[in-house]
Amino acid sequence: MADMSSRAADAESAEIAIGADVISAKLDLFAEMIRTKDRGLIDELWSDGGFCLVGSEAGEICPTRETVEAKLEAIFTNPATLVLEVPRRRIRLAGTAGWIFGEGILRRRDAAGGEEARQYLLICIFENVAGAWHWRQFFGSEPY
């Protein structure tokens, strides 16, 4: 028969695994919404405020809903399609905080069928508020 501390540890492990799955799914949703140019991404990222989108280029620090919306609108109105693939992920949770470090590829597909692929690194930070994981920061960079 398992003792109380063993059951508590099992419950905590299960909660961590569920949290990691939810956070990973949020990154997958982000990638899908970027690819399909889904403007609902703005609400997904800014679900309850306190979000910041950061890129590696000049002018890519977006700490308000208006600046996030403007940056995403520029991406969505560009005729090229961005495809983000993040096969390597390290997810960590500590209390109400969770984060992903991801290594992947960002593909830029133009309307004529041409494609440019670059290495892409990202860090996403989330906060669990009342049992729901919320985006807090997305930082993405093309290091080469």
C-alpha atoms as a PDB file:
ATOM      1  CA  MET A   1       0.000   0.000   0.000  1.00  0.00           C
ATOM      2  CA  ALA A   2       1.394   3.391  -1.011  1.00  0.00           C
ATOM      3  CA  ASP A   3       1.922   5.922   1.727  1.00  0.00           C
ATOM      4  CA  MET A   4       0.558   9.476   1.617  1.00  0.00           C
ATOM      5  CA  SER A   5       3.849  11.059   0.491  1.00  0.00           C
ATOM      6  CA  SER A   6       4.104   8.584  -2.392  1.00  0.00           C
ATOM      7  CA  ARG A   7       0.572   9.392  -3.543  1.00  0.00           C
ATOM      8  CA  ALA A   8       1.272  13.120  -3.275  1.00  0.00           C
ATOM      9  CA  ALA A   9       4.450  12.713  -5.349  1.00  0.00           C
ATOM     10  CA  ASP A  10       2.532  10.702  -7.968  1.00  0.00           C
ATOM     11  CA  ALA A  11      -0.165  13.391  -8.153  1.00  0.00           C
ATOM     12  CA  GLU A  12       2.474  16.113  -8.472  1.00  0.00           C
ATOM     13  CA  SER A  13       4.249  14.173 -11.255  1.00  0.00           C
ATOM     14  CA  ALA A  14       0.968  13.756 -13.108  1.00  0.00           C
ATOM     15  CA  GLU A  15       0.196  17.470 -12.736  1.00  0.00           C
ATOM     16  CA  ILE A  16       3.651  18.377 -14.101  1.00  0.00           C
ATOM     17  CA  ALA A  17       3.213  16.026 -17.067  1.00  0.00           C
ATOM     18  CA  ILE A  18      -0.202  17.518 -17.857  1.00  0.00           C
ATOM     19  CA  GLY A  19       1.182  21.060 -17.578  1.00  0.00           C
ATOM     20  CA  ALA A  20       4.067  20.198 -19.912  1.00  0.00           C
ATOM     21  CA  ASP A  21       1.630  18.704 -22.438  1.00  0.00           C
ATOM     22  CA  VAL A  22      -0.571  21.823 -22.313  1.00  0.00           C
ATOM     23  CA  ILE A  23       2.412  24.147 -22.788  1.00  0.00           C
ATOM     24  CA  SER A  24       3.743  22.050 -25.670  1.00  0.00           C
ATOM     25  CA  ALA A  25       0.290  22.104 -27.296  1.00  0.00           C
ATOM     26  CA  LYS A  26       0.204  25.908 -26.964  1.00  0.00           C
ATOM     27  CA  LEU A  27       3.462  26.119 -28.921  1.00  0.00           C
ATOM     28  CA  ASP A  28       2.020  23.785 -31.586  1.00  0.00           C
ATOM     29  CA  LEU A  29      -1.072  25.999 -31.793  1.00  0.00           C
ATOM     30  CA  PHE A  30       1.133  29.094 -32.124  1.00  0.00           C
ATOM     31  CA  ALA A  31       2.989  27.486 -35.059  1.00  0.00           C
ATOM     32  CA  GLU A  32      -0.282  26.479 -36.739  1.00  0.00           C
ATOM     33  CA  MET A  33      -1.809  29.937 -36.291  1.00  0.00           C
ATOM     34  CA  ILE A  34       1.307  31.612 -37.732  1.00  0.00           C
ATOM     35  CA  ARG A  35       1.244  29.230 -40.729  1.00  0.00           C
ATOM     36  CA  THR A  36      -2.461  29.785 -41.411  1.00  0.00           C
ATOM     37  CA  LYS A  37      -2.274  33.522 -40.649  1.00  0.00           C
ATOM     38  CA  ASP A  38      -4.991  33.175 -38.040  1.00  0.00           C
ATOM     39  CA  ARG A  39      -5.601  36.537 -36.386  1.00  0.00           C
ATOM     40  CA  GLY A  40      -7.057  34.706 -33.392  1.00  0.00           C
ATOM     41  CA  LEU A  41      -3.428  34.314 -32.329  1.00  0.00           C
ATOM     42  CA  ILE A  42      -3.553  37.832 -30.919  1.00  0.00           C
ATOM     43  CA  ASP A  43      -6.224  36.790 -28.402  1.00  0.00           C
ATOM     44  CA  GLU A  44      -4.419  33.513 -27.692  1.00  0.00           C
ATOM     45  CA  LEU A  45      -1.220  35.359 -26.753  1.00  0.00           C
ATOM     46  CA  TRP A  46      -2.916  38.276 -25.012  1.00  0.00           C
ATOM     47  CA  SER A  47      -5.482  36.154 -23.178  1.00  0.00           C
ATOM     48  CA  ASP A  48      -5.309  38.132 -19.947  1.00  0.00           C
ATOM     49  CA  GLY A  49      -2.638  40.751 -20.583  1.00  0.00           C
ATOM     50  CA  GLY A  50       0.932  40.800 -19.416  1.00  0.00           C
ATOM     51  CA  PHE A  51       2.410  39.300 -22.599  1.00  0.00           C
ATOM     52  CA  CYS A  52       5.529  40.402 -24.499  1.00  0.00           C
ATOM     53  CA  LEU A  53       6.590  39.270 -27.990  1.00  0.00           C
ATOM     54  CA  VAL A  54      10.313  39.649 -28.668  1.00  0.00           C
ATOM     55  CA  GLY A  55      12.300  38.993 -31.816  1.00  0.00           C
ATOM     56  CA  SER A  56      15.977  39.363 -32.593  1.00  0.00           C
ATOM     57  CA  GLU A  57      15.656  42.253 -35.070  1.00  0.00           C
ATOM     58  CA  ALA A  58      15.431  45.973 -34.374  1.00  0.00           C
ATOM     59  CA  GLY A  59      11.886  47.024 -33.469  1.00  0.00           C
ATOM     60  CA  GLU A  60      10.774  43.524 -32.521  1.00  0.00           C
ATOM     61  CA  ILE A  61       9.936  44.176 -28.892  1.00  0.00           C
ATOM     62  CA  CYS A  62       6.153  44.193 -28.532  1.00  0.00           C
ATOM     63  CA  PRO A  63       5.039  44.691 -24.896  1.00  0.00           C
ATOM     64  CA  THR A  64       1.460  45.891 -25.524  1.00  0.00           C
ATOM     65  CA  ARG A  65      -1.537  44.375 -27.246  1.00  0.00           C
ATOM     66  CA  GLU A  66      -1.329  47.100 -29.900  1.00  0.00           C
ATOM     67  CA  THR A  67       2.336  46.377 -30.699  1.00  0.00           C
ATOM     68  CA  VAL A  68       1.744  42.597 -30.736  1.00  0.00           C
ATOM     69  CA  GLU A  69      -1.214  43.116 -33.062  1.00  0.00           C
ATOM     70  CA  ALA A  70       0.830  45.377 -35.373  1.00  0.00           C
ATOM     71  CA  LYS A  71       3.707  42.878 -35.558  1.00  0.00           C
ATOM     72  CA  LEU A  72       1.427  39.928 -36.261  1.00  0.00           C
ATOM     73  CA  GLU A  73      -0.558  41.945 -38.808  1.00  0.00           C
ATOM     74  CA  ALA A  74       2.700  42.657 -40.670  1.00  0.00           C
ATOM     75  CA  ILE A  75       3.451  38.912 -40.685  1.00  0.00           C
ATOM     76  CA  PHE A  76      -0.074  37.986 -41.782  1.00  0.00           C
ATOM     77  CA  THR A  77      -0.286  40.518 -44.618  1.00  0.00           C
ATOM     78  CA  ASN A  78       3.084  39.479 -46.049  1.00  0.00           C
ATOM     79  CA  PRO A  79       2.501  37.229 -49.080  1.00  0.00           C
ATOM     80  CA  ALA A  80       5.068  34.748 -47.753  1.00  0.00           C
ATOM     81  CA  THR A  81       3.967  32.019 -45.361  1.00  0.00           C
ATOM     82  CA  LEU A  82       5.985  31.210 -42.244  1.00  0.00           C
ATOM     83  CA  VAL A  83       6.216  27.575 -41.183  1.00  0.00           C
ATOM     84  CA  LEU A  84       7.702  26.981 -37.735  1.00  0.00           C
ATOM     85  CA  GLU A  85       8.873  23.474 -36.849  1.00  0.00           C
ATOM     86  CA  VAL A  86      10.142  22.880 -33.311  1.00  0.00           C
ATOM     87  CA  PRO A  87      11.056  19.201 -32.919  1.00  0.00           C
ATOM     88  CA  ARG A  88      13.507  19.727 -30.045  1.00  0.00           C
ATOM     89  CA  ARG A  89      11.912  21.103 -26.886  1.00  0.00           C
ATOM     90  CA  ARG A  90      12.914  21.278 -23.261  1.00  0.00           C
ATOM     91  CA  ILE A  91       9.981  22.075 -20.997  1.00  0.00           C
ATOM     92  CA  ARG A  92      10.321  22.940 -17.325  1.00  0.00           C
ATOM     93  CA  LEU A  93       7.741  23.809 -14.694  1.00  0.00           C
ATOM     94  CA  ALA A  94       8.271  25.379 -11.276  1.00  0.00           C
ATOM     95  CA  GLY A  95       5.209  26.288  -9.267  1.00  0.00           C
ATOM     96  CA  THR A  96       3.005  28.479 -11.445  1.00  0.00           C
ATOM     97  CA  ALA A  97       5.740  29.132 -14.024  1.00  0.00           C
ATOM     98  CA  GLY A  98       6.494  27.055 -17.091  1.00  0.00           C
ATOM     99  CA  TRP A  99       8.853  27.561 -19.988  1.00  0.00           C
ATOM    100  CA  ILE A 100      10.029  25.963 -23.216  1.00  0.00           C
ATOM    101  CA  PHE A 101      13.410  26.221 -24.865  1.00  0.00           C
ATOM    102  CA  GLY A 102      12.970  25.098 -28.456  1.00  0.00           C
ATOM    103  CA  GLU A 103      15.318  24.446 -31.346  1.00  0.00           C
ATOM    104  CA  GLY A 104      13.882  24.193 -34.809  1.00  0.00           C
ATOM    105  CA  ILE A 105      13.541  25.549 -38.305  1.00  0.00           C
ATOM    106  CA  LEU A 106      11.641  28.580 -39.587  1.00  0.00           C
ATOM    107  CA  ARG A 107      10.670  28.209 -43.231  1.00  0.00           C
ATOM    108  CA  ARG A 108       9.647  31.197 -45.330  1.00  0.00           C
ATOM    109  CA  ARG A 109       7.607  30.049 -48.320  1.00  0.00           C
ATOM    110  CA  ASP A 110       6.886  32.582 -51.024  1.00  0.00           C
ATOM    111  CA  ALA A 111       3.849  32.651 -53.306  1.00  0.00           C
ATOM    112  CA  ALA A 112       5.906  31.267 -56.232  1.00  0.00           C
ATOM    113  CA  GLY A 113       6.829  28.141 -54.263  1.00  0.00           C
ATOM    114  CA  GLY A 114      10.322  29.191 -53.254  1.00  0.00           C
ATOM    115  CA  GLU A 115      11.467  28.401 -49.737  1.00  0.00           C
ATOM    116  CA  GLU A 116      14.151  29.682 -47.419  1.00  0.00           C
ATOM    117  CA  ALA A 117      14.862  27.786 -44.198  1.00  0.00           C
ATOM    118  CA  ARG A 118      16.774  29.070 -41.180  1.00  0.00           C
ATOM    119  CA  GLN A 119      17.650  27.690 -37.791  1.00  0.00           C
ATOM    120  CA  TYR A 120      15.264  29.083 -35.170  1.00  0.00           C
ATOM    121  CA  LEU A 121      15.609  29.233 -31.403  1.00  0.00           C
ATOM    122  CA  LEU A 122      12.832  30.208 -29.036  1.00  0.00           C
ATOM    123  CA  ILE A 123      11.998  30.609 -25.402  1.00  0.00           C
ATOM    124  CA  CYS A 124       8.343  30.765 -24.345  1.00  0.00           C
ATOM    125  CA  ILE A 125       7.288  31.600 -20.802  1.00  0.00           C
ATOM    126  CA  PHE A 126       3.881  30.733 -19.348  1.00  0.00           C
ATOM    127  CA  GLU A 127       2.071  31.304 -16.064  1.00  0.00           C
ATOM    128  CA  ASN A 128      -0.587  29.086 -14.550  1.00  0.00           C
ATOM    129  CA  VAL A 129      -3.414  31.274 -13.268  1.00  0.00           C
ATOM    130  CA  ALA A 130      -6.367  29.515 -11.617  1.00  0.00           C
ATOM    131  CA  GLY A 131      -5.530  26.256 -13.405  1.00  0.00           C
ATOM    132  CA  ALA A 132      -5.080  27.719 -16.904  1.00  0.00           C
ATOM    133  CA  TRP A 133      -1.728  28.286 -18.627  1.00  0.00           C
ATOM    134  CA  HIS A 134      -1.286  31.787 -20.097  1.00  0.00           C
ATOM    135  CA  TRP A 135       1.406  33.094 -22.425  1.00  0.00           C
ATOM    136  CA  ARG A 136       3.739  35.625 -20.785  1.00  0.00           C
ATOM    137  CA  GLN A 137       6.588  35.897 -23.288  1.00  0.00           C
ATOM    138  CA  PHE A 138       7.670  34.619 -26.673  1.00  0.00           C
ATOM    139  CA  PHE A 139      11.276  35.228 -27.680  1.00  0.00           C
ATOM    140  CA  GLY A 140      12.388  33.966 -31.074  1.00  0.00           C
ATOM    141  CA  SER A 141      15.701  34.310 -32.864  1.00  0.00           C
ATOM    142  CA  GLU A 142      17.326  33.269 -36.124  1.00  0.00           C
ATOM    143  CA  PRO A 143      20.925  32.922 -34.879  1.00  0.00           C
ATOM    144  CA  TYR A 144      22.562  32.398 -38.287  1.00  0.00           C
END
